[in-house]
C-alpha atoms as a PDB file:
ATOM      1  CA  MET A   1     -51.647 -46.801  -1.421  1.00  0.00           C
ATOM      2  CA  THR A   2     -52.220 -44.468   1.506  1.00  0.00           C
ATOM      3  CA  ARG A   3     -49.451 -46.134   3.444  1.00  0.00           C
ATOM      4  CA  LEU A   4     -46.962 -45.482   0.605  1.00  0.00           C
ATOM      5  CA  ARG A   5     -47.938 -41.808   0.486  1.00  0.00           C
ATOM      6  CA  ARG A   6     -47.439 -41.391   4.222  1.00  0.00           C
ATOM      7  CA  GLN A   7     -44.102 -43.136   4.072  1.00  0.00           C
ATOM      8  CA  ALA A   8     -42.911 -40.944   1.128  1.00  0.00           C
ATOM      9  CA  ALA A   9     -44.039 -37.759   2.892  1.00  0.00           C
ATOM     10  CA  ALA A  10     -42.276 -38.721   6.094  1.00  0.00           C
ATOM     11  CA  ASP A  11     -38.999 -39.458   4.288  1.00  0.00           C
ATOM     12  CA  ASP A  12     -36.926 -36.212   4.525  1.00  0.00           C
ATOM     13  CA  THR A  13     -33.660 -37.752   3.398  1.00  0.00           C
ATOM     14  CA  GLY A  14     -31.575 -35.127   1.568  1.00  0.00           C
ATOM     15  CA  SER A  15     -33.707 -32.089   2.440  1.00  0.00           C
ATOM     16  CA  VAL A  16     -31.036 -30.697   4.763  1.00  0.00           C
ATOM     17  CA  THR A  17     -28.450 -31.038   1.996  1.00  0.00           C
ATOM     18  CA  VAL A  18     -30.599 -29.004  -0.398  1.00  0.00           C
ATOM     19  CA  LEU A  19     -31.185 -26.365   2.291  1.00  0.00           C
ATOM     20  CA  MET A  20     -27.462 -26.117   3.099  1.00  0.00           C
ATOM     21  CA  LEU A  21     -26.600 -25.843  -0.601  1.00  0.00           C
ATOM     22  CA  PHE A  22     -29.095 -22.999  -1.021  1.00  0.00           C
ATOM     23  CA  LEU A  23     -27.834 -21.193   2.110  1.00  0.00           C
ATOM     24  CA  THR A  24     -24.187 -21.595   1.077  1.00  0.00           C
ATOM     25  CA  ILE A  25     -24.824 -20.144  -2.374  1.00  0.00           C
ATOM     26  CA  SER A  26     -26.826 -17.285  -0.855  1.00  0.00           C
ATOM     27  CA  MET A  27     -24.065 -16.491   1.626  1.00  0.00           C
ATOM     28  CA  MET A  28     -21.392 -16.561  -1.113  1.00  0.00           C
ATOM     29  CA  ILE A  29     -23.411 -14.126  -3.252  1.00  0.00           C
ATOM     30  CA  THR A  30     -23.960 -11.844  -0.249  1.00  0.00           C
ATOM     31  CA  ALA A  31     -20.266 -11.948   0.639  1.00  0.00           C
ATOM     32  CA  GLY A  32     -19.413 -11.198  -2.991  1.00  0.00           C
ATOM     33  CA  ILE A  33     -21.700  -8.172  -3.030  1.00  0.00           C
ATOM     34  CA  VAL A  34     -20.218  -6.873   0.212  1.00  0.00           C
ATOM     35  CA  ILE A  35     -16.550  -7.518  -0.610  1.00  0.00           C
ATOM     36  CA  ASP A  36     -16.558  -6.695  -4.318  1.00  0.00           C
ATOM     37  CA  GLY A  37     -19.022  -3.842  -3.839  1.00  0.00           C
ATOM     38  CA  GLY A  38     -16.701  -2.290  -1.265  1.00  0.00           C
ATOM     39  CA  ARG A  39     -13.761  -2.731  -3.612  1.00  0.00           C
ATOM     40  CA  ALA A  40     -15.768  -1.087  -6.406  1.00  0.00           C
ATOM     41  CA  MET A  41     -16.521   1.937  -4.221  1.00  0.00           C
ATOM     42  CA  ALA A  42     -12.848   2.188  -3.286  1.00  0.00           C
ATOM     43  CA  GLY A  43     -11.951   1.933  -6.974  1.00  0.00           C
ATOM     44  CA  ARG A  44     -14.318   4.780  -7.812  1.00  0.00           C
ATOM     45  CA  GLN A  45     -12.627   6.925  -5.166  1.00  0.00           C
ATOM     46  CA  ARG A  46      -9.212   5.965  -6.509  1.00  0.00           C
ATOM     47  CA  ALA A  47     -10.288   7.000 -10.025  1.00  0.00           C
ATOM     48  CA  ALA A  48     -11.557  10.347  -8.672  1.00  0.00           C
ATOM     49  CA  ASN A  49      -8.324  10.950  -6.737  1.00  0.00           C
ATOM     50  CA  THR A  50      -6.218  10.133  -9.786  1.00  0.00           C
ATOM     51  CA  ALA A  51      -8.283  12.433 -12.039  1.00  0.00           C
ATOM     52  CA  GLU A  52      -8.037  15.297  -9.545  1.00  0.00           C
ATOM     53  CA  GLN A  53      -4.286  14.941  -9.064  1.00  0.00           C
ATOM     54  CA  ALA A  54      -3.609  14.592 -12.792  1.00  0.00           C
ATOM     55  CA  ALA A  55      -5.685  17.707 -13.555  1.00  0.00           C
ATOM     56  CA  ARG A  56      -3.836  19.683 -10.870  1.00  0.00           C
ATOM     57  CA  LEU A  57      -0.497  18.478 -12.180  1.00  0.00           C
ATOM     58  CA  GLY A  58      -1.470  19.503 -15.709  1.00  0.00           C
ATOM     59  CA  ALA A  59      -2.687  22.923 -14.587  1.00  0.00           C
ATOM     60  CA  ASP A  60       0.618  23.408 -12.802  1.00  0.00           C
ATOM     61  CA  GLN A  61       2.573  23.329 -16.082  1.00  0.00           C
ATOM     62  CA  LEU A  62       2.917  27.045 -16.802  1.00  0.00           C
ATOM     63  CA  ASP A  63       4.458  28.782 -19.782  1.00  0.00           C
ATOM     64  CA  LEU A  64       6.784  31.069 -17.838  1.00  0.00           C
ATOM     65  CA  ALA A  65       7.522  33.384 -20.783  1.00  0.00           C
ATOM     66  CA  ALA A  66       3.796  33.901 -21.421  1.00  0.00           C
ATOM     67  CA  MET A  67       3.160  34.417 -17.721  1.00  0.00           C
ATOM     68  CA  ARG A  68       5.860  37.066 -17.463  1.00  0.00           C
ATOM     69  CA  SER A  69       4.477  38.875 -20.495  1.00  0.00           C
ATOM     70  CA  GLY A  70       1.085  39.106 -18.754  1.00  0.00           C
ATOM     71  CA  ALA A  71      -0.859  36.487 -20.748  1.00  0.00           C
ATOM     72  CA  ARG A  72      -4.185  35.520 -19.198  1.00  0.00           C
ATOM     73  CA  THR A  73      -3.726  31.791 -19.907  1.00  0.00           C
ATOM     74  CA  PRO A  74      -0.073  31.001 -19.261  1.00  0.00           C
ATOM     75  CA  LEU A  75      -0.574  27.230 -19.612  1.00  0.00           C
ATOM     76  CA  ASN A  76       2.004  25.146 -21.462  1.00  0.00           C
ATOM     77  CA  THR A  77      -0.534  22.836 -23.113  1.00  0.00           C
ATOM     78  CA  ALA A  78       1.941  20.248 -24.408  1.00  0.00           C
ATOM     79  CA  ALA A  79       3.591  19.807 -21.017  1.00  0.00           C
ATOM     80  CA  ALA A  80       0.218  19.850 -19.239  1.00  0.00           C
ATOM     81  CA  ARG A  81      -1.176  17.056 -21.425  1.00  0.00           C
ATOM     82  CA  ALA A  82       2.022  14.968 -21.210  1.00  0.00           C
ATOM     83  CA  ASP A  83       2.349  15.262 -17.423  1.00  0.00           C
ATOM     84  CA  ALA A  84      -1.328  14.525 -16.749  1.00  0.00           C
ATOM     85  CA  ILE A  85      -1.283  11.394 -18.938  1.00  0.00           C
ATOM     86  CA  ALA A  86       2.034  10.282 -17.400  1.00  0.00           C
ATOM     87  CA  PHE A  87       0.500  10.608 -13.921  1.00  0.00           C
ATOM     88  CA  VAL A  88      -2.545   8.527 -14.881  1.00  0.00           C
ATOM     89  CA  ASN A  89      -0.361   5.850 -16.493  1.00  0.00           C
ATOM     90  CA  ALA A  90       1.864   5.704 -13.407  1.00  0.00           C
ATOM     91  CA  SER A  91      -1.188   5.188 -11.172  1.00  0.00           C
ATOM     92  CA  GLY A  92      -1.630   1.558 -12.170  1.00  0.00           C
ATOM     93  CA  SER A  93      -2.064  -0.789 -15.085  1.00  0.00           C
ATOM     94  CA  ASN A  94      -5.834  -0.828 -14.674  1.00  0.00           C
ATOM     95  CA  MET A  95      -6.130   2.973 -15.107  1.00  0.00           C
ATOM     96  CA  THR A  96      -6.627   4.745 -18.408  1.00  0.00           C
ATOM     97  CA  GLY A  97      -7.214   8.408 -18.998  1.00  0.00           C
ATOM     98  CA  THR A  98      -7.824  11.143 -21.499  1.00  0.00           C
ATOM     99  CA  VAL A  99      -6.817  14.784 -21.184  1.00  0.00           C
ATOM    100  CA  THR A 100      -8.644  17.698 -22.793  1.00  0.00           C
ATOM    101  CA  ILE A 101      -7.342  21.251 -22.584  1.00  0.00           C
ATOM    102  CA  THR A 102      -9.703  24.115 -23.322  1.00  0.00           C
ATOM    103  CA  GLY A 103      -8.215  27.554 -22.827  1.00  0.00           C
ATOM    104  CA  ASP A 104      -6.554  27.381 -19.436  1.00  0.00           C
ATOM    105  CA  THR A 105      -8.664  24.481 -18.106  1.00  0.00           C
ATOM    106  CA  VAL A 106      -7.221  20.973 -17.932  1.00  0.00           C
ATOM    107  CA  SER A 107      -9.898  18.244 -17.899  1.00  0.00           C
ATOM    108  CA  VAL A 108      -8.939  14.678 -17.071  1.00  0.00           C
ATOM    109  CA  HIS A 109     -11.247  11.672 -17.459  1.00  0.00           C
ATOM    110  CA  VAL A 110     -10.006   8.476 -15.765  1.00  0.00           C
ATOM    111  CA  THR A 111     -11.398   4.959 -16.166  1.00  0.00           C
ATOM    112  CA  HIS A 112     -10.503   2.317 -13.586  1.00  0.00           C
ATOM    113  CA  THR A 113     -11.238  -1.368 -14.233  1.00  0.00           C
ATOM    114  CA  MET A 114     -11.077  -3.720 -11.269  1.00  0.00           C
ATOM    115  CA  PRO A 115     -11.483  -7.505 -11.384  1.00  0.00           C
ATOM    116  CA  THR A 116     -13.907  -9.053  -8.921  1.00  0.00           C
ATOM    117  CA  SER A 117     -12.972 -11.780  -6.494  1.00  0.00           C
ATOM    118  CA  LEU A 118     -16.148 -13.573  -5.417  1.00  0.00           C
ATOM    119  CA  LEU A 119     -18.695 -12.268  -7.929  1.00  0.00           C
ATOM    120  CA  GLY A 120     -16.650 -13.901 -10.686  1.00  0.00           C
ATOM    121  CA  LEU A 121     -18.300 -17.151  -9.571  1.00  0.00           C
ATOM    122  CA  ILE A 122     -21.648 -15.893 -10.917  1.00  0.00           C
ATOM    123  CA  GLY A 123     -20.262 -14.289 -14.072  1.00  0.00           C
ATOM    124  CA  ILE A 124     -19.478 -10.720 -12.950  1.00  0.00           C
ATOM    125  CA  THR A 125     -15.765 -10.567 -13.695  1.00  0.00           C
ATOM    126  CA  SER A 126     -14.980  -6.860 -13.322  1.00  0.00           C
ATOM    127  CA  PHE A 127     -16.261  -3.420 -12.360  1.00  0.00           C
ATOM    128  CA  THR A 128     -15.447  -0.285 -14.337  1.00  0.00           C
ATOM    129  CA  GLN A 129     -15.578   3.095 -12.620  1.00  0.00           C
ATOM    130  CA  SER A 130     -14.807   6.473 -14.100  1.00  0.00           C
ATOM    131  CA  ALA A 131     -14.255   9.977 -12.798  1.00  0.00           C
ATOM    132  CA  ARG A 132     -13.657  13.383 -14.309  1.00  0.00           C
ATOM    133  CA  SER A 133     -11.927  16.423 -12.863  1.00  0.00           C
ATOM    134  CA  GLU A 134     -10.916  19.893 -14.009  1.00  0.00           C
ATOM    135  CA  ALA A 135      -8.255  22.322 -12.834  1.00  0.00           C
ATOM    136  CA  ARG A 136      -6.883  25.632 -14.028  1.00  0.00           C
ATOM    137  CA  PRO A 137      -4.018  27.834 -12.927  1.00  0.00           C
ATOM    138  CA  VAL A 138      -4.920  30.897 -10.884  1.00  0.00           C
ATOM    139  CA  ARG A 139      -2.947  33.848  -9.561  1.00  0.00           C
ATOM    140  CA  GLY A 140      -3.168  35.171  -6.044  1.00  0.00           C
ATOM    141  CA  VAL A 141      -2.649  34.097  -2.492  1.00  0.00           C
ATOM    142  CA  THR A 142      -5.905  34.733  -0.647  1.00  0.00           C
ATOM    143  CA  SER A 143      -8.105  35.313  -3.707  1.00  0.00           C
ATOM    144  CA  GLU A 144      -7.864  34.946  -7.457  1.00  0.00           C
ATOM    145  CA  GLY A 145      -6.028  37.884  -8.987  1.00  0.00           C
ATOM    146  CA  PRO A 146      -6.089  39.391 -12.477  1.00  0.00           C
END
C-alpha cells in the first residue's frame, strides 16, 4: 500500500497543464482590466468633454433682441436646448444627454456607454460613464461685466 501512495504522489502528469490554464486565465483578466479600464477612463473623459462643449454651445445661443434691450439673461432657451442636444447626438451613437436650463445657466448631463473587449469573457459587457457640465453667457473681455 505504501508503494502505491509513493507512486501516486510522484506522478505529476497534468499539473503543468493546470498551472498554465490558471496563469493564462489570470493574465487574460489582468489584460482585460488594463485595456478595458483604460478605455473606460478615456470614455469618462470623452463624456466630460462632450458635456462641456455642449453646455458652452448652448450658452452661446443668445437672444439678440433681449441682449440689445439690456436683459440680464439674454439666452435663447429653445435654441440653446436644441443645439446642445444636437451636439451630444452628433458625438456618437453611444452618447446620450439631457439639457436643463435654469435662468441663464445651461446644464448638460452626458452618459457614455462603451462595450468591453476582453472583460466580456467574464461577463462584464460594458462600462457606463457620465459627466455633467454647466455654462452661462457672460459679458466683458477681461472680467464679467454688468
